[in-house]
PDB file of N, CA and C in Angstrom:
ATOM      1  N   ILE A   1      16.652   9.598  11.397  1.00  0.00           N
ATOM      2  CA  ILE A   1      17.863  10.402  11.274  1.00  0.00           C
ATOM      3  C   ILE A   1      18.402  10.322   9.850  1.00  0.00           C
ATOM      4  N   ILE A   2      18.405   9.136   9.261  1.00  0.00           N
ATOM      5  CA  ILE A   2      18.899   8.983   7.887  1.00  0.00           C
ATOM      6  C   ILE A   2      18.034   9.789   6.922  1.00  0.00           C
ATOM      7  N   GLU A   3      16.713   9.734   7.109  1.00  0.00           N
ATOM      8  CA  GLU A   3      15.812  10.499   6.241  1.00  0.00           C
ATOM      9  C   GLU A   3      16.099  11.994   6.326  1.00  0.00           C
ATOM     10  N   MET A   4      16.288  12.493   7.537  1.00  0.00           N
ATOM     11  CA  MET A   4      16.554  13.925   7.720  1.00  0.00           C
ATOM     12  C   MET A   4      17.934  14.302   7.199  1.00  0.00           C
ATOM     13  N   ARG A   5      18.910  13.469   7.480  1.00  0.00           N
ATOM     14  CA  ARG A   5      20.303  13.760   7.125  1.00  0.00           C
ATOM     15  C   ARG A   5      20.505  13.874   5.617  1.00  0.00           C
ATOM     16  N   TYR A   6      19.841  12.991   4.875  1.00  0.00           N
ATOM     17  CA  TYR A   6      20.049  12.945   3.426  1.00  0.00           C
ATOM     18  C   TYR A   6      18.862  13.464   2.618  1.00  0.00           C
ATOM     19  N   GLY A   7      17.876  14.050   3.292  1.00  0.00           N
ATOM     20  CA  GLY A   7      16.753  14.668   2.594  1.00  0.00           C
ATOM     21  C   GLY A   7      15.826  13.678   1.916  1.00  0.00           C
ATOM     22  N   LEU A   8      15.710  12.475   2.441  1.00  0.00           N
ATOM     23  CA  LEU A   8      14.892  11.445   1.805  1.00  0.00           C
ATOM     24  C   LEU A   8      13.399  11.659   2.017  1.00  0.00           C
ATOM     25  N   TYR A   9      13.031  12.405   3.038  1.00  0.00           N
ATOM     26  CA  TYR A   9      11.614  12.608   3.337  1.00  0.00           C
ATOM     27  C   TYR A   9      11.038  13.803   2.578  1.00  0.00           C
ATOM     28  N   ASN A  10      11.664  14.950   2.727  1.00  0.00           N
ATOM     29  CA  ASN A  10      11.111  16.161   2.105  1.00  0.00           C
ATOM     30  C   ASN A  10      12.103  16.884   1.195  1.00  0.00           C
ATOM     31  N   GLY A  11      13.235  16.264   0.932  1.00  0.00           N
ATOM     32  CA  GLY A  11      14.227  16.870   0.046  1.00  0.00           C
ATOM     33  C   GLY A  11      15.163  17.855   0.723  1.00  0.00           C
ATOM     34  N   LYS A  12      14.938  18.128   2.009  1.00  0.00           N
ATOM     35  CA  LYS A  12      15.797  19.075   2.723  1.00  0.00           C
ATOM     36  C   LYS A  12      16.869  18.316   3.498  1.00  0.00           C
ATOM     37  N   VAL A  13      18.114  18.505   3.112  1.00  0.00           N
ATOM     38  CA  VAL A  13      19.248  17.882   3.797  1.00  0.00           C
ATOM     39  C   VAL A  13      19.546  18.680   5.059  1.00  0.00           C
ATOM     40  N   ARG A  14      19.739  17.991   6.168  1.00  0.00           N
ATOM     41  CA  ARG A  14      20.022  18.663   7.439  1.00  0.00           C
ATOM     42  C   ARG A  14      21.366  18.208   7.991  1.00  0.00           C
ATOM     43  N   THR A  15      21.991  19.080   8.765  1.00  0.00           N
ATOM     44  CA  THR A  15      23.264  18.738   9.399  1.00  0.00           C
ATOM     45  C   THR A  15      22.986  17.924  10.663  1.00  0.00           C
ATOM     46  N   GLN A  16      24.037  17.278  11.154  1.00  0.00           N
ATOM     47  CA  GLN A  16      23.896  16.537  12.406  1.00  0.00           C
ATOM     48  C   GLN A  16      23.503  17.479  13.531  1.00  0.00           C
ATOM     49  N   ARG A  17      24.044  18.668  13.516  1.00  0.00           N
ATOM     50  CA  ARG A  17      23.733  19.654  14.555  1.00  0.00           C
ATOM     51  C   ARG A  17      22.251  20.047  14.511  1.00  0.00           C
ATOM     52  N   GLU A  18      21.710  20.263  13.308  1.00  0.00           N
ATOM     53  CA  GLU A  18      20.289  20.611  13.169  1.00  0.00           C
ATOM     54  C   GLU A  18      19.397  19.479  13.676  1.00  0.00           C
ATOM     55  N   ILE A  19      19.750  18.261  13.306  1.00  0.00           N
ATOM     56  CA  ILE A  19      18.969  17.096  13.730  1.00  0.00           C
ATOM     57  C   ILE A  19      19.015  16.957  15.245  1.00  0.00           C
ATOM     58  N   ALA A  20      20.192  17.124  15.819  1.00  0.00           N
ATOM     59  CA  ALA A  20      20.347  17.019  17.269  1.00  0.00           C
ATOM     60  C   ALA A  20      19.460  18.031  17.986  1.00  0.00           C
ATOM     61  N   LYS A  21      19.446  19.253  17.487  1.00  0.00           N
ATOM     62  CA  LYS A  21      18.632  20.302  18.100  1.00  0.00           C
ATOM     63  C   LYS A  21      17.142  19.964  17.992  1.00  0.00           C
ATOM     64  N   MET A  22      16.724  19.466  16.826  1.00  0.00           N
ATOM     65  CA  MET A  22      15.321  19.103  16.617  1.00  0.00           C
ATOM     66  C   MET A  22      14.876  17.983  17.561  1.00  0.00           C
ATOM     67  N   LEU A  23      15.759  17.010  17.784  1.00  0.00           N
ATOM     68  CA  LEU A  23      15.407  15.840  18.587  1.00  0.00           C
ATOM     69  C   LEU A  23      15.771  15.981  20.061  1.00  0.00           C
ATOM     70  N   GLY A  24      16.491  17.044  20.401  1.00  0.00           N
ATOM     71  CA  GLY A  24      16.874  17.268  21.790  1.00  0.00           C
ATOM     72  C   GLY A  24      17.929  16.293  22.286  1.00  0.00           C
ATOM     73  N   ILE A  25      18.836  15.903  21.384  1.00  0.00           N
ATOM     74  CA  ILE A  25      19.929  15.000  21.747  1.00  0.00           C
ATOM     75  C   ILE A  25      21.245  15.621  21.300  1.00  0.00           C
ATOM     76  N   SER A  26      22.357  15.030  21.703  1.00  0.00           N
ATOM     77  CA  SER A  26      23.654  15.600  21.333  1.00  0.00           C
ATOM     78  C   SER A  26      24.009  15.275  19.882  1.00  0.00           C
ATOM     79  N   ARG A  27      24.867  16.098  19.302  1.00  0.00           N
ATOM     80  CA  ARG A  27      25.323  15.873  17.941  1.00  0.00           C
ATOM     81  C   ARG A  27      26.089  14.563  17.836  1.00  0.00           C
ATOM     82  N   SER A  28      26.858  14.250  18.866  1.00  0.00           N
ATOM     83  CA  SER A  28      27.632  13.007  18.831  1.00  0.00           C
ATOM     84  C   SER A  28      26.719  11.785  18.854  1.00  0.00           C
ATOM     85  N   TYR A  29      25.584  11.889  19.543  1.00  0.00           N
ATOM     86  CA  TYR A  29      24.633  10.778  19.559  1.00  0.00           C
ATOM     87  C   TYR A  29      23.993  10.614  18.180  1.00  0.00           C
ATOM     88  N   VAL A  30      23.673  11.723  17.526  1.00  0.00           N
ATOM     89  CA  VAL A  30      23.153  11.671  16.156  1.00  0.00           C
ATOM     90  C   VAL A  30      24.174  10.975  15.259  1.00  0.00           C
ATOM     91  N   SER A  31      25.437  11.332  15.420  1.00  0.00           N
ATOM     92  CA  SER A  31      26.508  10.734  14.625  1.00  0.00           C
ATOM     93  C   SER A  31      26.579   9.226  14.835  1.00  0.00           C
ATOM     94  N   ARG A  32      26.486   8.791  16.086  1.00  0.00           N
ATOM     95  CA  ARG A  32      26.544   7.344  16.389  1.00  0.00           C
ATOM     96  C   ARG A  32      25.360   6.602  15.789  1.00  0.00           C
ATOM     97  N   ILE A  33      24.172   7.184  15.901  1.00  0.00           N
ATOM     98  CA  ILE A  33      22.972   6.555  15.341  1.00  0.00           C
ATOM     99  C   ILE A  33      23.088   6.479  13.822  1.00  0.00           C
ATOM    100  N   GLU A  34      23.546   7.572  13.207  1.00  0.00           N
ATOM    101  CA  GLU A  34      23.708   7.611  11.752  1.00  0.00           C
ATOM    102  C   GLU A  34      24.698   6.539  11.290  1.00  0.00           C
ATOM    103  N   LYS A  35      25.826   6.452  11.957  1.00  0.00           N
ATOM    104  CA  LYS A  35      26.853   5.478  11.584  1.00  0.00           C
ATOM    105  C   LYS A  35      26.328   4.048  11.702  1.00  0.00           C
ATOM    106  N   LYS A  36      25.624   3.781  12.794  1.00  0.00           N
ATOM    107  CA  LYS A  36      25.066   2.445  13.014  1.00  0.00           C
ATOM    108  C   LYS A  36      24.032   2.105  11.932  1.00  0.00           C
ATOM    109  N   ALA A  37      23.177   3.063  11.598  1.00  0.00           N
ATOM    110  CA  ALA A  37      22.145   2.844  10.581  1.00  0.00           C
ATOM    111  C   ALA A  37      22.768   2.622   9.204  1.00  0.00           C
ATOM    112  N   LEU A  38      23.783   3.410   8.864  1.00  0.00           N
ATOM    113  CA  LEU A  38      24.446   3.246   7.567  1.00  0.00           C
ATOM    114  C   LEU A  38      25.147   1.894   7.475  1.00  0.00           C
ATOM    115  N   ASN A  39      25.766   1.469   8.564  1.00  0.00           N
ATOM    116  CA  ASN A  39      26.404   0.151   8.580  1.00  0.00           C
ATOM    117  C   ASN A  39      25.387  -0.953   8.335  1.00  0.00           C
ATOM    118  N   LYS A  40      24.206  -0.838   8.949  1.00  0.00           N
ATOM    119  CA  LYS A  40      23.142  -1.824   8.738  1.00  0.00           C
ATOM    120  C   LYS A  40      22.700  -1.832   7.278  1.00  0.00           C
ATOM    121  N   LEU A  41      22.525  -0.646   6.704  1.00  0.00           N
ATOM    122  CA  LEU A  41      22.110  -0.553   5.300  1.00  0.00           C
ATOM    123  C   LEU A  41      23.148  -1.169   4.370  1.00  0.00           C
ATOM    124  N   PHE A  42      24.401  -0.832   4.564  1.00  0.00           N
ATOM    125  CA  PHE A  42      25.465  -1.372   3.718  1.00  0.00           C
ATOM    126  C   PHE A  42      25.545  -2.889   3.839  1.00  0.00           C
ATOM    127  N   LYS A  43      25.371  -3.379   5.071  1.00  0.00           N
ATOM    128  CA  LYS A  43      25.419  -4.822   5.306  1.00  0.00           C
ATOM    129  C   LYS A  43      24.290  -5.525   4.547  1.00  0.00           C
ATOM    130  N   GLU A  44      23.087  -4.963   4.612  1.00  0.00           N
ATOM    131  CA  GLU A  44      21.936  -5.547   3.917  1.00  0.00           C
ATOM    132  C   GLU A  44      22.092  -5.481   2.400  1.00  0.00           C
ATOM    133  N   LEU A  45      22.612  -4.377   1.911  1.00  0.00           N
ATOM    134  CA  LEU A  45      22.747  -4.201   0.463  1.00  0.00           C
ATOM    135  C   LEU A  45      23.859  -5.047  -0.132  1.00  0.00           C
ATOM    136  N   SER A  46      24.818  -5.430   0.676  1.00  0.00           N
ATOM    137  CA  SER A  46      25.945  -6.198   0.147  1.00  0.00           C
ATOM    138  C   SER A  46      25.705  -7.709   0.197  1.00  0.00           C
ATOM    139  N   MET A  47      24.559  -8.122   0.686  1.00  0.00           N
ATOM    140  CA  MET A  47      24.252  -9.562   0.750  1.00  0.00           C
ATOM    141  C   MET A  47      23.821 -10.086  -0.596  1.00  0.00           C
TER     142      MET A  47
END
C-alpha cells in the first residue's frame, strides 16, 4: 500500500480510493493499513 500510495514502485502515485478498488477492500481499511505502516516506519527511523 505504501509503495502504491507514494509511487515508490513505478512512480505512479495512487489515491486511497484507487488502491482500495485494486485490492478489493474499503478505502477506510487502506487508510488504517497506511497509517499503521507509516507509524512503523517513523518509529524505526527515529531510533
